[in-house]
Amino acid sequence: MRGHHPREGEVLVHKGGFSKILKSTFRAGITLKAIHSVLEIIGGVSLWVIPPSAMNSIVEVVVEHELSRDPHDFIAIHLLRTSEMFLSGNRLFASIYLLSHGVVKVVLVVALWMNVLWAYPLTIAVFAAFSSYQMYRYSHTHSIAMLLLTIFDVVLILLTWMEWREQKAQKRSDLAPALLVR
């Protein structure tokens, strides 16, 4: 808007390119989150039904070739350690954890794709809670993957907030003509 100066806290977003980039980035982000969530569900179900010794054997076969070429391969060693952890750990907890995370996030992402307004603040709250827990876990594990996942979630929270503001403004502008007709 010509001559309009934003008030404190107000962000001017032109309806042109920048807004489209934000919307595309938001859609790509929630799509990646949906894929990650489906993988969590698959992992949770796998942990539930596959015995830990069989899962460890599968992982050993998958990483064996890579470790023969590079015995210090970060990803292969990480996968092997994780599978060994499930041999001694509580796989029921891990399974329920993955399943609940995956299902909650899939439901939220579907609602976001459908532009359901209640999903925006709920997504922000849920992802903030997950991010807090992830940072707690990071403080114990120092896992780079956990740190990267948390950064992704924080960016997604910001994009969700921006999209929520856009959706609320759009709903208000859609309602305005109806209110004037009365």
C-alpha atoms as a PDB file:
ATOM      1  CA  MET A   1       0.000   0.000   0.000  1.00  0.00           C
ATOM      2  CA  ARG A   2       1.341   3.355  -0.960  1.00  0.00           C
ATOM      3  CA  GLY A   3       2.055   5.633   1.988  1.00  0.00           C
ATOM      4  CA  HIS A   4       1.055   2.984   4.542  1.00  0.00           C
ATOM      5  CA  HIS A   5       3.566   2.488   7.322  1.00  0.00           C
ATOM      6  CA  PRO A   6       3.302  -0.692   9.329  1.00  0.00           C
ATOM      7  CA  ARG A   7       2.347  -0.401  12.967  1.00  0.00           C
ATOM      8  CA  GLU A   8       4.450  -2.163  15.583  1.00  0.00           C
ATOM      9  CA  GLY A   9       4.151  -5.917  15.091  1.00  0.00           C
ATOM     10  CA  GLU A  10       2.485  -5.537  11.680  1.00  0.00           C
ATOM     11  CA  VAL A  11       4.175  -7.151   8.728  1.00  0.00           C
ATOM     12  CA  LEU A  12       3.519  -5.955   5.222  1.00  0.00           C
ATOM     13  CA  VAL A  13       3.408  -8.886   2.839  1.00  0.00           C
ATOM     14  CA  HIS A  14       2.730  -8.090  -0.767  1.00  0.00           C
ATOM     15  CA  LYS A  15       0.157 -10.331  -2.412  1.00  0.00           C
ATOM     16  CA  GLY A  16       2.672 -10.986  -5.161  1.00  0.00           C
ATOM     17  CA  GLY A  17       5.765 -13.128  -5.128  1.00  0.00           C
ATOM     18  CA  PHE A  18       6.792 -13.091  -1.474  1.00  0.00           C
ATOM     19  CA  SER A  19       3.413 -14.275  -0.234  1.00  0.00           C
ATOM     20  CA  LYS A  20       3.388 -17.056  -2.820  1.00  0.00           C
ATOM     21  CA  ILE A  21       6.897 -18.100  -1.784  1.00  0.00           C
ATOM     22  CA  LEU A  22       5.829 -18.247   1.870  1.00  0.00           C
ATOM     23  CA  LYS A  23       2.740 -20.296   1.024  1.00  0.00           C
ATOM     24  CA  SER A  24       4.774 -22.672  -1.154  1.00  0.00           C
ATOM     25  CA  THR A  25       7.409 -23.036   1.555  1.00  0.00           C
ATOM     26  CA  PHE A  26       4.702 -23.686   4.147  1.00  0.00           C
ATOM     27  CA  ARG A  27       3.054 -26.328   1.930  1.00  0.00           C
ATOM     28  CA  ALA A  28       6.412 -27.993   1.230  1.00  0.00           C
ATOM     29  CA  GLY A  29       7.242 -27.963   4.946  1.00  0.00           C
ATOM     30  CA  ILE A  30       4.001 -29.584   6.029  1.00  0.00           C
ATOM     31  CA  THR A  31       4.344 -32.122   3.214  1.00  0.00           C
ATOM     32  CA  LEU A  32       7.804 -33.069   4.513  1.00  0.00           C
ATOM     33  CA  LYS A  33       6.346 -33.254   8.020  1.00  0.00           C
ATOM     34  CA  ALA A  34       3.614 -35.596   6.716  1.00  0.00           C
ATOM     35  CA  ILE A  35       6.210 -37.859   5.097  1.00  0.00           C
ATOM     36  CA  HIS A  36       8.237 -37.868   8.325  1.00  0.00           C
ATOM     37  CA  SER A  37       5.070 -38.655  10.287  1.00  0.00           C
ATOM     38  CA  VAL A  38       4.164 -41.589   8.053  1.00  0.00           C
ATOM     39  CA  LEU A  39       7.703 -42.927   8.514  1.00  0.00           C
ATOM     40  CA  GLU A  40       7.243 -42.582  12.295  1.00  0.00           C
ATOM     41  CA  ILE A  41       4.023 -44.587  12.063  1.00  0.00           C
ATOM     42  CA  ILE A  42       5.759 -47.276   9.990  1.00  0.00           C
ATOM     43  CA  GLY A  43       8.628 -47.323  12.488  1.00  0.00           C
ATOM     44  CA  GLY A  44       6.215 -47.556  15.421  1.00  0.00           C
ATOM     45  CA  VAL A  45       4.322 -50.451  13.862  1.00  0.00           C
ATOM     46  CA  SER A  46       7.613 -52.168  12.949  1.00  0.00           C
ATOM     47  CA  LEU A  47       8.871 -51.866  16.513  1.00  0.00           C
ATOM     48  CA  TRP A  48       5.595 -53.278  17.753  1.00  0.00           C
ATOM     49  CA  VAL A  49       5.470 -56.368  15.524  1.00  0.00           C
ATOM     50  CA  ILE A  50       9.087 -57.209  14.625  1.00  0.00           C
ATOM     51  CA  PRO A  51      11.117 -58.853  17.398  1.00  0.00           C
ATOM     52  CA  PRO A  52      14.165 -56.754  18.392  1.00  0.00           C
ATOM     53  CA  SER A  53      16.654 -59.486  17.419  1.00  0.00           C
ATOM     54  CA  ALA A  54      15.125 -59.703  13.915  1.00  0.00           C
ATOM     55  CA  MET A  55      15.170 -55.921  13.567  1.00  0.00           C
ATOM     56  CA  ASN A  56      18.821 -55.817  14.646  1.00  0.00           C
ATOM     57  CA  SER A  57      19.656 -58.522  12.073  1.00  0.00           C
ATOM     58  CA  ILE A  58      17.894 -56.549   9.330  1.00  0.00           C
ATOM     59  CA  VAL A  59      19.843 -53.398  10.209  1.00  0.00           C
ATOM     60  CA  GLU A  60      23.121 -55.337  10.308  1.00  0.00           C
ATOM     61  CA  VAL A  61      22.481 -56.687   6.800  1.00  0.00           C
ATOM     62  CA  VAL A  62      21.541 -53.213   5.510  1.00  0.00           C
ATOM     63  CA  VAL A  63      24.655 -51.466   6.912  1.00  0.00           C
ATOM     64  CA  GLU A  64      27.140 -54.332   6.493  1.00  0.00           C
ATOM     65  CA  HIS A  65      28.276 -53.278   2.998  1.00  0.00           C
ATOM     66  CA  GLU A  66      28.660 -49.628   3.967  1.00  0.00           C
ATOM     67  CA  LEU A  67      30.659 -50.463   7.102  1.00  0.00           C
ATOM     68  CA  SER A  68      32.948 -52.777   5.090  1.00  0.00           C
ATOM     69  CA  ARG A  69      33.810 -49.797   2.852  1.00  0.00           C
ATOM     70  CA  ASP A  70      33.924 -47.202   5.638  1.00  0.00           C
ATOM     71  CA  PRO A  71      34.041 -48.558   9.204  1.00  0.00           C
ATOM     72  CA  HIS A  72      33.424 -45.037  10.555  1.00  0.00           C
ATOM     73  CA  ASP A  73      30.324 -44.244   8.438  1.00  0.00           C
ATOM     74  CA  PHE A  74      28.227 -41.919  10.626  1.00  0.00           C
ATOM     75  CA  ILE A  75      24.776 -43.011   9.423  1.00  0.00           C
ATOM     76  CA  ALA A  76      25.539 -46.751   9.404  1.00  0.00           C
ATOM     77  CA  ILE A  77      27.008 -46.636  12.906  1.00  0.00           C
ATOM     78  CA  HIS A  78      24.067 -44.535  14.135  1.00  0.00           C
ATOM     79  CA  LEU A  79      21.542 -47.017  12.709  1.00  0.00           C
ATOM     80  CA  LEU A  80      23.392 -49.965  14.199  1.00  0.00           C
ATOM     81  CA  ARG A  81      23.619 -48.350  17.646  1.00  0.00           C
ATOM     82  CA  THR A  82      19.934 -47.438  17.544  1.00  0.00           C
ATOM     83  CA  SER A  83      18.902 -50.983  16.661  1.00  0.00           C
ATOM     84  CA  GLU A  84      21.130 -52.363  19.445  1.00  0.00           C
ATOM     85  CA  MET A  85      19.534 -49.893  21.866  1.00  0.00           C
ATOM     86  CA  PHE A  86      16.119 -51.396  21.094  1.00  0.00           C
ATOM     87  CA  LEU A  87      17.447 -54.836  22.000  1.00  0.00           C
ATOM     88  CA  SER A  88      17.999 -53.653  25.563  1.00  0.00           C
ATOM     89  CA  GLY A  89      15.444 -50.844  25.774  1.00  0.00           C
ATOM     90  CA  ASN A  90      11.712 -50.598  26.167  1.00  0.00           C
ATOM     91  CA  ARG A  91      10.482 -51.072  22.617  1.00  0.00           C
ATOM     92  CA  LEU A  92       6.828 -50.778  23.672  1.00  0.00           C
ATOM     93  CA  PHE A  93       7.466 -47.205  24.844  1.00  0.00           C
ATOM     94  CA  ALA A  94       9.366 -46.392  21.651  1.00  0.00           C
ATOM     95  CA  SER A  95       6.606 -47.919  19.533  1.00  0.00           C
ATOM     96  CA  ILE A  96       3.814 -46.004  21.278  1.00  0.00           C
ATOM     97  CA  TYR A  97       5.909 -42.821  21.170  1.00  0.00           C
ATOM     98  CA  LEU A  98       6.473 -43.092  17.408  1.00  0.00           C
ATOM     99  CA  LEU A  99       2.865 -44.093  16.688  1.00  0.00           C
ATOM    100  CA  SER A 100       1.374 -41.254  18.758  1.00  0.00           C
ATOM    101  CA  HIS A 101       3.737 -38.644  17.285  1.00  0.00           C
ATOM    102  CA  GLY A 102       3.069 -39.861  13.770  1.00  0.00           C
ATOM    103  CA  VAL A 103      -0.714 -40.026  14.073  1.00  0.00           C
ATOM    104  CA  VAL A 104      -1.006 -36.606  15.773  1.00  0.00           C
ATOM    105  CA  LYS A 105       1.159 -34.947  13.137  1.00  0.00           C
ATOM    106  CA  VAL A 106      -0.644 -36.618  10.215  1.00  0.00           C
ATOM    107  CA  VAL A 107      -4.001 -35.401  11.556  1.00  0.00           C
ATOM    108  CA  LEU A 108      -2.646 -31.867  12.006  1.00  0.00           C
ATOM    109  CA  VAL A 109      -1.033 -31.777   8.557  1.00  0.00           C
ATOM    110  CA  VAL A 110      -4.233 -32.970   6.863  1.00  0.00           C
ATOM    111  CA  ALA A 111      -6.184 -30.271   8.700  1.00  0.00           C
ATOM    112  CA  LEU A 112      -3.600 -27.658   7.651  1.00  0.00           C
ATOM    113  CA  TRP A 113      -3.836 -28.774   4.027  1.00  0.00           C
ATOM    114  CA  MET A 114      -7.616 -28.283   4.292  1.00  0.00           C
ATOM    115  CA  ASN A 115      -7.092 -24.769   5.806  1.00  0.00           C
ATOM    116  CA  VAL A 116      -8.988 -25.660   8.993  1.00  0.00           C
ATOM    117  CA  LEU A 117      -8.414 -22.661  11.275  1.00  0.00           C
ATOM    118  CA  TRP A 118      -8.294 -24.566  14.591  1.00  0.00           C
ATOM    119  CA  ALA A 119      -5.391 -26.637  13.280  1.00  0.00           C
ATOM    120  CA  TYR A 120      -3.016 -23.673  13.062  1.00  0.00           C
ATOM    121  CA  PRO A 121      -2.755 -22.772  16.775  1.00  0.00           C
ATOM    122  CA  LEU A 122      -2.925 -26.452  17.751  1.00  0.00           C
ATOM    123  CA  THR A 123      -0.067 -27.265  15.366  1.00  0.00           C
ATOM    124  CA  ILE A 124       1.995 -24.414  16.801  1.00  0.00           C
ATOM    125  CA  ALA A 125       1.398 -25.675  20.355  1.00  0.00           C
ATOM    126  CA  VAL A 126       2.071 -29.342  19.520  1.00  0.00           C
ATOM    127  CA  PHE A 127       5.226 -28.619  17.510  1.00  0.00           C
ATOM    128  CA  ALA A 128       6.463 -26.278  20.267  1.00  0.00           C
ATOM    129  CA  ALA A 129       5.936 -29.060  22.829  1.00  0.00           C
ATOM    130  CA  PHE A 130       7.695 -31.594  20.579  1.00  0.00           C
ATOM    131  CA  SER A 131      10.553 -29.124  20.011  1.00  0.00           C
ATOM    132  CA  SER A 132      10.962 -28.593  23.745  1.00  0.00           C
ATOM    133  CA  TYR A 133      11.168 -32.340  24.314  1.00  0.00           C
ATOM    134  CA  GLN A 134      13.570 -32.714  21.381  1.00  0.00           C
ATOM    135  CA  MET A 135      15.878 -30.080  22.897  1.00  0.00           C
ATOM    136  CA  TYR A 136      15.713 -31.935  26.215  1.00  0.00           C
ATOM    137  CA  ARG A 137      16.717 -35.130  24.392  1.00  0.00           C
ATOM    138  CA  TYR A 138      19.424 -33.240  22.511  1.00  0.00           C
ATOM    139  CA  SER A 139      20.912 -32.078  25.812  1.00  0.00           C
ATOM    140  CA  HIS A 140      21.465 -35.760  26.677  1.00  0.00           C
ATOM    141  CA  THR A 141      22.309 -37.256  23.290  1.00  0.00           C
ATOM    142  CA  HIS A 142      23.932 -34.355  21.377  1.00  0.00           C
ATOM    143  CA  SER A 143      22.359 -35.866  18.266  1.00  0.00           C
ATOM    144  CA  ILE A 144      22.810 -33.629  15.239  1.00  0.00           C
ATOM    145  CA  ALA A 145      19.690 -35.218  13.708  1.00  0.00           C
ATOM    146  CA  MET A 146      17.651 -34.152  16.770  1.00  0.00           C
ATOM    147  CA  LEU A 147      19.011 -30.612  16.509  1.00  0.00           C
ATOM    148  CA  LEU A 148      18.213 -30.402  12.775  1.00  0.00           C
ATOM    149  CA  LEU A 149      14.708 -31.782  13.353  1.00  0.00           C
ATOM    150  CA  THR A 150      14.125 -29.146  16.036  1.00  0.00           C
ATOM    151  CA  ILE A 151      15.348 -26.331  13.776  1.00  0.00           C
ATOM    152  CA  PHE A 152      13.002 -27.601  11.038  1.00  0.00           C
ATOM    153  CA  ASP A 153      10.110 -27.680  13.519  1.00  0.00           C
ATOM    154  CA  VAL A 154      10.824 -24.116  14.704  1.00  0.00           C
ATOM    155  CA  VAL A 155      10.866 -22.869  11.100  1.00  0.00           C
ATOM    156  CA  LEU A 156       7.610 -24.745  10.496  1.00  0.00           C
ATOM    157  CA  ILE A 157       6.082 -23.125  13.602  1.00  0.00           C
ATOM    158  CA  LEU A 158       6.975 -19.679  12.209  1.00  0.00           C
ATOM    159  CA  LEU A 159       5.561 -20.547   8.772  1.00  0.00           C
ATOM    160  CA  THR A 160       2.396 -21.958  10.382  1.00  0.00           C
ATOM    161  CA  TRP A 161       1.924 -18.750  12.373  1.00  0.00           C
ATOM    162  CA  MET A 162       2.366 -16.640   9.220  1.00  0.00           C
ATOM    163  CA  GLU A 163      -0.053 -18.826   7.240  1.00  0.00           C
ATOM    164  CA  TRP A 164      -2.562 -18.736  10.123  1.00  0.00           C
ATOM    165  CA  ARG A 165      -2.519 -14.927  10.057  1.00  0.00           C
ATOM    166  CA  GLU A 166      -3.026 -15.020   6.287  1.00  0.00           C
ATOM    167  CA  GLN A 167      -5.928 -17.493   6.577  1.00  0.00           C
ATOM    168  CA  LYS A 168      -7.634 -15.435   9.312  1.00  0.00           C
ATOM    169  CA  ALA A 169      -7.294 -12.274   7.205  1.00  0.00           C
ATOM    170  CA  GLN A 170      -8.703 -14.114   4.198  1.00  0.00           C
ATOM    171  CA  LYS A 171     -11.696 -15.414   6.207  1.00  0.00           C
ATOM    172  CA  ARG A 172     -12.379 -11.876   7.503  1.00  0.00           C
ATOM    173  CA  SER A 173     -12.247 -10.422   4.003  1.00  0.00           C
ATOM    174  CA  ASP A 174     -14.559 -13.198   2.754  1.00  0.00           C
ATOM    175  CA  LEU A 175     -17.047 -12.365   5.532  1.00  0.00           C
ATOM    176  CA  ALA A 176     -16.909  -8.590   5.066  1.00  0.00           C
ATOM    177  CA  PRO A 177     -19.167  -8.422   1.961  1.00  0.00           C
ATOM    178  CA  ALA A 178     -21.726 -10.692   3.650  1.00  0.00           C
ATOM    179  CA  LEU A 179     -21.856  -8.350   6.643  1.00  0.00           C
ATOM    180  CA  LEU A 180     -22.352  -5.311   4.416  1.00  0.00           C
ATOM    181  CA  VAL A 181     -25.365  -6.866   2.652  1.00  0.00           C
ATOM    182  CA  ARG A 182     -27.454  -6.780   5.809  1.00  0.00           C
END
